[in-house]
């Protein structure tokens, strides 16, 4: 069973703007839209691979990329 992926108004507007931009610049708007649609299908089918991250949570969106919060380098010595 898949989980629906819902774009809120701001991300939807940013997506629409990006698709329009790529269409105007190099006629790649349809390709951009297809790649994003494929990613959204993947997220819907495997939501556990893409945890929801809130701006205030302090968790990195990508677990394999070191950040100051995961390495401790943000702490004063």
Protein backbone atom coordinates (compact mmCIF):
# COMPACT_ATOMS: atom_id res chain seq x y z
CA UNK A 1 0.00 0.00 0.00
CA UNK A 2 1.37 3.42 -0.88
CA UNK A 3 1.20 6.62 1.11
CA UNK A 4 -0.08 9.70 -0.71
CA UNK A 5 2.49 12.47 -1.21
CA UNK A 6 0.97 15.91 -0.88
CA UNK A 7 2.81 19.05 -1.89
CA UNK A 8 1.82 22.02 0.19
CA UNK A 9 1.15 25.32 -1.63
CA UNK A 10 4.68 26.75 -1.39
CA UNK A 11 6.53 23.61 -2.57
CA UNK A 12 3.91 23.17 -5.32
CA UNK A 13 4.48 26.76 -6.47
CA UNK A 14 8.26 26.24 -6.41
CA UNK A 15 7.87 23.04 -8.44
CA UNK A 16 5.63 24.80 -10.97
CA UNK A 17 8.11 27.69 -11.26
CA UNK A 18 11.02 25.28 -11.74
CA UNK A 19 9.16 23.33 -14.44
CA UNK A 20 8.34 26.59 -16.24
CA UNK A 21 11.95 27.74 -15.92
CA UNK A 22 13.35 24.50 -17.39
CA UNK A 23 10.79 24.59 -20.18
CA UNK A 24 11.73 28.17 -21.13
CA UNK A 25 15.51 27.67 -20.84
CA UNK A 26 16.03 24.41 -22.67
CA UNK A 27 12.65 22.82 -23.36
CA UNK A 28 13.29 20.35 -20.53
CA UNK A 29 10.20 21.12 -18.47
CA UNK A 30 8.52 17.82 -19.35
CA UNK A 31 11.67 15.86 -18.48
CA UNK A 32 11.98 17.71 -15.17
CA UNK A 33 8.33 17.03 -14.37
CA UNK A 34 8.74 13.33 -15.24
CA UNK A 35 11.77 12.93 -12.96
CA UNK A 36 10.00 14.64 -10.06
CA UNK A 37 6.88 12.52 -10.65
CA UNK A 38 9.04 9.38 -10.57
CA UNK A 39 10.61 10.50 -7.30
CA UNK A 40 7.19 11.20 -5.78
CA UNK A 41 6.06 7.68 -6.77
CA UNK A 42 9.16 6.29 -5.04
CA UNK A 43 8.43 8.33 -1.92
CA UNK A 44 4.83 7.16 -1.95
CA UNK A 45 5.81 3.51 -2.29
CA UNK A 46 8.66 3.67 0.27
CA UNK A 47 7.89 6.47 2.74
CA UNK A 48 10.19 4.98 5.40
CA UNK A 49 13.16 5.83 3.16
CA UNK A 50 12.22 9.51 3.20
CA UNK A 51 11.50 10.64 6.77
CA UNK A 52 9.56 13.84 7.24
CA UNK A 53 11.87 16.54 8.57
CA UNK A 54 10.55 19.66 10.25
CA UNK A 55 12.59 22.86 10.20
CA UNK A 56 12.85 22.84 13.99
CA UNK A 57 13.79 19.19 14.39
CA UNK A 58 17.52 19.61 13.80
CA UNK A 59 17.71 16.27 11.99
CA UNK A 60 19.58 16.15 8.68
CA UNK A 61 17.44 15.26 5.68
CA UNK A 62 20.14 12.89 4.42
CA UNK A 63 21.56 10.45 6.94
CA UNK A 64 24.83 9.80 5.08
CA UNK A 65 25.92 13.43 4.77
CA UNK A 66 27.86 14.69 7.80
CA UNK A 67 26.56 17.92 9.25
CA UNK A 68 27.63 19.97 12.26
CA UNK A 69 24.75 18.49 14.26
CA UNK A 70 25.87 14.91 13.51
CA UNK A 71 29.63 15.41 13.87
CA UNK A 72 29.62 17.61 16.97
CA UNK A 73 31.72 20.26 15.19
CA UNK A 74 29.20 22.96 16.07
CA UNK A 75 30.14 22.78 19.75
CA UNK A 76 32.64 25.20 21.22
CA UNK A 77 35.88 23.75 22.45
